[in-house]
Amino acid sequence: MTLKAYQKAATWAESPRQMEYRLFSQVTLALIEAAKADPKDLSARVDALDWNRRVWSALSSDCSQPGNGLPAPLRASIISLAIWVGRQTSAVIRREDDIESLIEINRIIMQGLIPTSAAASAAA
């Protein structure tokens, strides 16, 4: 089975919430690995930082669309977080702050994407 076929099959088996969780887990793992690198070695960190910023930028863009089905307050919160992530990423690149806060915000989002036991029971 080719990688493209596997990816296509995976999207059929996952809910959007599960796909978002998987994306956040992958980008957060990349940030965790980047955090282990020397802060002065930007080349070892920039790919993960850029990927994380692009994920948040895509979320922000999606939330700004009029047809987005999320409640307006949630969309506004996601857009605000995306702006913060952009600023925080720049601070990390300038070595004015550490990468841990970006990891923590992603972990919080991941916790929110985990289905509650009631929702998991209803889905079964």
N, C-alpha and C. Protein backbone atom coordinates (compact mmCIF):
# COMPACT_ATOMS: atom_id res chain seq x y z
N MET A 1 0.86 -1.18 0.00
CA MET A 1 0.00 0.00 0.00
C MET A 1 0.90 1.23 0.00
N THR A 2 0.62 2.16 -0.87
CA THR A 2 1.42 3.38 -0.94
C THR A 2 1.04 4.32 0.20
N LEU A 3 1.91 5.27 0.43
CA LEU A 3 1.67 6.25 1.50
C LEU A 3 0.41 7.05 1.21
N LYS A 4 0.20 7.46 -0.04
CA LYS A 4 -0.99 8.24 -0.37
C LYS A 4 -2.26 7.44 -0.11
N ALA A 5 -2.24 6.17 -0.46
CA ALA A 5 -3.41 5.33 -0.22
C ALA A 5 -3.67 5.19 1.27
N TYR A 6 -2.61 5.04 2.05
CA TYR A 6 -2.76 4.94 3.51
C TYR A 6 -3.34 6.23 4.07
N GLN A 7 -2.81 7.38 3.62
CA GLN A 7 -3.30 8.66 4.12
C GLN A 7 -4.77 8.85 3.77
N LYS A 8 -5.15 8.44 2.56
CA LYS A 8 -6.55 8.57 2.15
C LYS A 8 -7.43 7.69 3.02
N ALA A 9 -7.00 6.46 3.27
CA ALA A 9 -7.77 5.55 4.12
C ALA A 9 -7.87 6.07 5.54
N ALA A 10 -6.79 6.69 6.03
CA ALA A 10 -6.79 7.21 7.40
C ALA A 10 -7.81 8.33 7.54
N THR A 11 -7.96 9.16 6.51
CA THR A 11 -8.93 10.26 6.61
C THR A 11 -10.35 9.73 6.63
N TRP A 12 -10.59 8.60 6.02
CA TRP A 12 -11.94 8.01 6.05
C TRP A 12 -12.25 7.43 7.42
N ALA A 13 -11.24 6.96 8.12
CA ALA A 13 -11.45 6.31 9.40
C ALA A 13 -11.45 7.27 10.58
N GLU A 14 -10.97 8.48 10.38
CA GLU A 14 -10.86 9.45 11.46
C GLU A 14 -11.94 10.52 11.34
N SER A 15 -12.41 10.94 12.49
CA SER A 15 -13.31 12.10 12.52
C SER A 15 -12.44 13.36 12.37
N PRO A 16 -13.04 14.49 12.02
CA PRO A 16 -12.25 15.74 11.97
C PRO A 16 -11.56 16.03 13.30
N ARG A 17 -12.23 15.76 14.39
CA ARG A 17 -11.65 15.98 15.72
C ARG A 17 -10.43 15.09 15.93
N GLN A 18 -10.50 13.84 15.49
CA GLN A 18 -9.37 12.93 15.60
C GLN A 18 -8.20 13.38 14.72
N MET A 19 -8.53 13.88 13.52
CA MET A 19 -7.47 14.37 12.64
C MET A 19 -6.78 15.58 13.25
N GLU A 20 -7.56 16.48 13.85
CA GLU A 20 -6.97 17.65 14.50
C GLU A 20 -6.08 17.22 15.66
N TYR A 21 -6.54 16.25 16.43
CA TYR A 21 -5.74 15.74 17.55
C TYR A 21 -4.42 15.17 17.03
N ARG A 22 -4.51 14.37 15.95
CA ARG A 22 -3.30 13.75 15.39
C ARG A 22 -2.34 14.83 14.90
N LEU A 23 -2.85 15.86 14.23
CA LEU A 23 -2.00 16.95 13.75
C LEU A 23 -1.33 17.65 14.92
N PHE A 24 -2.10 17.98 15.95
CA PHE A 24 -1.52 18.65 17.11
C PHE A 24 -0.49 17.76 17.81
N SER A 25 -0.74 16.46 17.86
CA SER A 25 0.24 15.59 18.51
C SER A 25 1.54 15.54 17.71
N GLN A 26 1.44 15.54 16.39
CA GLN A 26 2.64 15.51 15.55
C GLN A 26 3.44 16.81 15.66
N VAL A 27 2.76 17.93 15.57
CA VAL A 27 3.47 19.21 15.63
C VAL A 27 4.01 19.45 17.05
N THR A 28 3.29 19.00 18.06
CA THR A 28 3.77 19.18 19.43
C THR A 28 5.00 18.31 19.68
N LEU A 29 5.00 17.09 19.16
CA LEU A 29 6.19 16.24 19.28
C LEU A 29 7.38 16.90 18.61
N ALA A 30 7.16 17.51 17.45
CA ALA A 30 8.25 18.22 16.77
C ALA A 30 8.77 19.38 17.63
N LEU A 31 7.85 20.09 18.30
CA LEU A 31 8.27 21.17 19.20
C LEU A 31 9.05 20.64 20.39
N ILE A 32 8.62 19.50 20.93
CA ILE A 32 9.33 18.90 22.07
C ILE A 32 10.75 18.53 21.65
N GLU A 33 10.88 17.96 20.47
CA GLU A 33 12.22 17.61 19.97
C GLU A 33 13.04 18.88 19.73
N ALA A 34 12.41 19.92 19.21
CA ALA A 34 13.11 21.18 18.97
C ALA A 34 13.56 21.82 20.28
N ALA A 35 12.78 21.64 21.33
CA ALA A 35 13.12 22.21 22.63
C ALA A 35 14.40 21.60 23.19
N LYS A 36 14.72 20.39 22.76
CA LYS A 36 15.94 19.72 23.23
C LYS A 36 17.20 20.30 22.58
N ALA A 37 17.02 20.99 21.45
CA ALA A 37 18.16 21.56 20.74
C ALA A 37 18.64 22.82 21.46
N ASP A 38 19.87 23.16 21.22
CA ASP A 38 20.44 24.39 21.78
C ASP A 38 19.65 25.59 21.24
N PRO A 39 19.16 26.47 22.12
CA PRO A 39 18.40 27.64 21.66
C PRO A 39 19.16 28.52 20.67
N LYS A 40 20.48 28.45 20.72
CA LYS A 40 21.29 29.24 19.79
C LYS A 40 21.34 28.60 18.40
N ASP A 41 20.97 27.31 18.31
CA ASP A 41 20.98 26.59 17.04
C ASP A 41 19.59 26.69 16.42
N LEU A 42 19.32 27.83 15.81
CA LEU A 42 18.00 28.09 15.25
C LEU A 42 17.63 27.11 14.15
N SER A 43 18.60 26.66 13.39
CA SER A 43 18.31 25.74 12.29
C SER A 43 17.72 24.43 12.81
N ALA A 44 18.06 24.03 14.02
CA ALA A 44 17.52 22.80 14.59
C ALA A 44 16.10 22.99 15.11
N ARG A 45 15.65 24.22 15.20
CA ARG A 45 14.34 24.51 15.79
C ARG A 45 13.34 25.12 14.80
N VAL A 46 13.86 25.74 13.76
CA VAL A 46 13.01 26.56 12.90
C VAL A 46 11.91 25.76 12.19
N ASP A 47 12.18 24.53 11.77
CA ASP A 47 11.16 23.76 11.06
C ASP A 47 9.94 23.50 11.94
N ALA A 48 10.18 23.10 13.17
CA ALA A 48 9.07 22.82 14.08
C ALA A 48 8.33 24.11 14.43
N LEU A 49 9.06 25.18 14.67
CA LEU A 49 8.43 26.46 14.99
C LEU A 49 7.59 26.97 13.82
N ASP A 50 8.12 26.84 12.62
CA ASP A 50 7.38 27.28 11.43
C ASP A 50 6.14 26.42 11.21
N TRP A 51 6.28 25.11 11.37
CA TRP A 51 5.15 24.20 11.19
C TRP A 51 4.03 24.55 12.18
N ASN A 52 4.40 24.76 13.43
CA ASN A 52 3.41 25.10 14.45
C ASN A 52 2.72 26.42 14.11
N ARG A 53 3.49 27.41 13.68
CA ARG A 53 2.90 28.69 13.32
C ARG A 53 1.95 28.54 12.13
N ARG A 54 2.31 27.70 11.16
CA ARG A 54 1.44 27.48 9.99
C ARG A 54 0.16 26.75 10.38
N VAL A 55 0.24 25.81 11.31
CA VAL A 55 -0.97 25.12 11.80
C VAL A 55 -1.92 26.14 12.41
N TRP A 56 -1.40 26.98 13.28
CA TRP A 56 -2.23 27.97 13.95
C TRP A 56 -2.76 29.00 12.97
N SER A 57 -1.96 29.36 11.99
CA SER A 57 -2.41 30.30 10.96
C SER A 57 -3.57 29.71 10.16
N ALA A 58 -3.48 28.43 9.83
CA ALA A 58 -4.56 27.76 9.10
C ALA A 58 -5.84 27.72 9.95
N LEU A 59 -5.68 27.44 11.24
CA LEU A 59 -6.85 27.45 12.14
C LEU A 59 -7.49 28.82 12.18
N SER A 60 -6.66 29.84 12.30
CA SER A 60 -7.15 31.21 12.35
C SER A 60 -7.89 31.56 11.06
N SER A 61 -7.30 31.21 9.95
CA SER A 61 -7.92 31.50 8.66
C SER A 61 -9.26 30.79 8.53
N ASP A 62 -9.30 29.53 8.94
CA ASP A 62 -10.55 28.78 8.88
C ASP A 62 -11.61 29.40 9.78
N CYS A 63 -11.19 29.83 10.96
CA CYS A 63 -12.15 30.42 11.91
C CYS A 63 -12.66 31.79 11.45
N SER A 64 -11.94 32.43 10.57
CA SER A 64 -12.37 33.74 10.10
C SER A 64 -13.37 33.64 8.94
N GLN A 65 -13.58 32.44 8.43
CA GLN A 65 -14.51 32.25 7.32
C GLN A 65 -15.95 32.32 7.80
N PRO A 66 -16.82 33.02 7.07
CA PRO A 66 -18.22 33.16 7.50
C PRO A 66 -18.95 31.82 7.63
N GLY A 67 -18.58 30.83 6.85
CA GLY A 67 -19.27 29.55 6.90
C GLY A 67 -18.79 28.60 7.98
N ASN A 68 -17.83 29.03 8.78
CA ASN A 68 -17.32 28.17 9.85
C ASN A 68 -18.44 27.89 10.84
N GLY A 69 -18.62 26.61 11.19
CA GLY A 69 -19.73 26.22 12.04
C GLY A 69 -19.49 26.34 13.53
N LEU A 70 -18.28 26.70 13.94
CA LEU A 70 -18.01 26.85 15.37
C LEU A 70 -18.71 28.08 15.92
N PRO A 71 -19.04 28.07 17.20
CA PRO A 71 -19.64 29.27 17.81
C PRO A 71 -18.67 30.45 17.71
N ALA A 72 -19.23 31.63 17.52
CA ALA A 72 -18.41 32.85 17.34
C ALA A 72 -17.40 33.06 18.48
N PRO A 73 -17.79 32.88 19.76
CA PRO A 73 -16.80 33.09 20.83
C PRO A 73 -15.62 32.11 20.74
N LEU A 74 -15.89 30.87 20.35
CA LEU A 74 -14.81 29.89 20.21
C LEU A 74 -13.90 30.26 19.05
N ARG A 75 -14.50 30.67 17.94
CA ARG A 75 -13.71 31.10 16.78
C ARG A 75 -12.82 32.29 17.16
N ALA A 76 -13.37 33.24 17.89
CA ALA A 76 -12.60 34.41 18.31
C ALA A 76 -11.44 34.00 19.22
N SER A 77 -11.69 33.04 20.10
CA SER A 77 -10.63 32.57 21.00
C SER A 77 -9.51 31.88 20.22
N ILE A 78 -9.87 31.09 19.22
CA ILE A 78 -8.86 30.40 18.41
C ILE A 78 -8.04 31.43 17.63
N ILE A 79 -8.70 32.43 17.08
CA ILE A 79 -7.98 33.49 16.35
C ILE A 79 -7.03 34.23 17.29
N SER A 80 -7.49 34.53 18.49
CA SER A 80 -6.63 35.20 19.48
C SER A 80 -5.42 34.34 19.84
N LEU A 81 -5.67 33.04 20.03
CA LEU A 81 -4.55 32.13 20.33
C LEU A 81 -3.57 32.08 19.17
N ALA A 82 -4.08 32.08 17.95
CA ALA A 82 -3.20 32.04 16.78
C ALA A 82 -2.32 33.29 16.72
N ILE A 83 -2.89 34.42 17.04
CA ILE A 83 -2.10 35.66 17.08
C ILE A 83 -1.02 35.55 18.15
N TRP A 84 -1.39 35.04 19.32
CA TRP A 84 -0.42 34.86 20.41
C TRP A 84 0.68 33.89 19.99
N VAL A 85 0.30 32.79 19.34
CA VAL A 85 1.30 31.80 18.89
C VAL A 85 2.28 32.46 17.92
N GLY A 86 1.78 33.29 17.02
CA GLY A 86 2.67 33.98 16.09
C GLY A 86 3.66 34.87 16.81
N ARG A 87 3.17 35.63 17.77
CA ARG A 87 4.05 36.52 18.55
C ARG A 87 5.04 35.73 19.40
N GLN A 88 4.54 34.67 20.03
CA GLN A 88 5.40 33.85 20.88
C GLN A 88 6.48 33.15 20.06
N THR A 89 6.11 32.69 18.88
CA THR A 89 7.08 32.05 18.00
C THR A 89 8.20 33.02 17.64
N SER A 90 7.83 34.25 17.33
CA SER A 90 8.84 35.27 17.02
C SER A 90 9.74 35.52 18.22
N ALA A 91 9.17 35.53 19.41
CA ALA A 91 9.97 35.72 20.63
C ALA A 91 10.93 34.56 20.84
N VAL A 92 10.48 33.34 20.55
CA VAL A 92 11.35 32.18 20.69
C VAL A 92 12.49 32.26 19.68
N ILE A 93 12.18 32.63 18.46
CA ILE A 93 13.21 32.75 17.43
C ILE A 93 14.25 33.81 17.82
N ARG A 94 13.78 34.90 18.44
CA ARG A 94 14.71 35.96 18.89
C ARG A 94 15.40 35.61 20.20
N ARG A 95 15.09 34.43 20.74
CA ARG A 95 15.64 33.95 22.01
C ARG A 95 15.24 34.84 23.19
N GLU A 96 14.06 35.44 23.09
CA GLU A 96 13.53 36.26 24.18
C GLU A 96 12.64 35.43 25.11
N ASP A 97 12.27 34.24 24.67
CA ASP A 97 11.41 33.37 25.45
C ASP A 97 11.72 31.93 25.07
N ASP A 98 11.15 30.99 25.84
CA ASP A 98 11.41 29.59 25.52
C ASP A 98 10.23 28.97 24.78
N ILE A 99 10.46 27.79 24.28
CA ILE A 99 9.50 27.09 23.44
C ILE A 99 8.41 26.39 24.26
N GLU A 100 8.62 26.27 25.56
CA GLU A 100 7.71 25.51 26.42
C GLU A 100 6.27 26.02 26.41
N SER A 101 6.10 27.33 26.31
CA SER A 101 4.73 27.86 26.32
C SER A 101 3.97 27.45 25.06
N LEU A 102 4.66 27.31 23.95
CA LEU A 102 4.01 26.84 22.72
C LEU A 102 3.61 25.38 22.86
N ILE A 103 4.47 24.60 23.48
CA ILE A 103 4.16 23.19 23.72
C ILE A 103 2.95 23.08 24.64
N GLU A 104 2.94 23.89 25.68
CA GLU A 104 1.85 23.83 26.67
C GLU A 104 0.50 24.20 26.04
N ILE A 105 0.47 25.24 25.22
CA ILE A 105 -0.81 25.63 24.62
C ILE A 105 -1.32 24.53 23.69
N ASN A 106 -0.41 23.88 22.96
CA ASN A 106 -0.82 22.77 22.10
C ASN A 106 -1.37 21.61 22.93
N ARG A 107 -0.73 21.33 24.04
CA ARG A 107 -1.21 20.25 24.91
C ARG A 107 -2.61 20.55 25.45
N ILE A 108 -2.84 21.79 25.79
CA ILE A 108 -4.17 22.19 26.28
C ILE A 108 -5.22 21.98 25.19
N ILE A 109 -4.88 22.38 23.98
CA ILE A 109 -5.80 22.18 22.86
C ILE A 109 -6.04 20.69 22.64
N MET A 110 -5.00 19.89 22.73
CA MET A 110 -5.15 18.44 22.56
C MET A 110 -6.08 17.86 23.61
N GLN A 111 -5.98 18.33 24.85
CA GLN A 111 -6.88 17.85 25.90
C GLN A 111 -8.32 18.15 25.56
N GLY A 112 -8.56 19.32 24.96
CA GLY A 112 -9.90 19.69 24.56
C GLY A 112 -10.43 18.87 23.39
N LEU A 113 -9.53 18.30 22.62
CA LEU A 113 -9.95 17.49 21.47
C LEU A 113 -10.23 16.04 21.83
N ILE A 114 -9.79 15.62 23.03
CA ILE A 114 -10.06 14.25 23.47
C ILE A 114 -11.54 14.15 23.80
N PRO A 115 -12.22 13.16 23.22
CA PRO A 115 -13.65 13.04 23.52
C PRO A 115 -13.86 12.68 24.98
N THR A 116 -14.92 13.25 25.55
CA THR A 116 -15.27 12.89 26.92
C THR A 116 -15.78 11.47 26.92
N SER A 117 -15.85 10.85 28.07
CA SER A 117 -16.32 9.46 28.14
C SER A 117 -17.76 9.35 27.66
N ALA A 118 -18.56 10.36 27.92
CA ALA A 118 -19.96 10.33 27.45
C ALA A 118 -20.02 10.39 25.94
N ALA A 119 -19.20 11.27 25.35
CA ALA A 119 -19.19 11.37 23.90
C ALA A 119 -18.63 10.10 23.27
N ALA A 120 -17.64 9.49 23.94
CA ALA A 120 -17.06 8.26 23.42
C ALA A 120 -18.09 7.13 23.48
N SER A 121 -18.88 7.09 24.54
CA SER A 121 -19.92 6.06 24.67
C SER A 121 -20.99 6.25 23.60
N ALA A 122 -21.36 7.50 23.35
CA ALA A 122 -22.39 7.78 22.35
C ALA A 122 -21.92 7.42 20.96
N ALA A 123 -20.62 7.60 20.71
CA ALA A 123 -20.07 7.29 19.38
C ALA A 123 -20.00 5.79 19.16
N ALA A 124 -19.92 5.01 20.22
CA ALA A 124 -19.78 3.56 20.09
C ALA A 124 -21.06 2.87 19.80
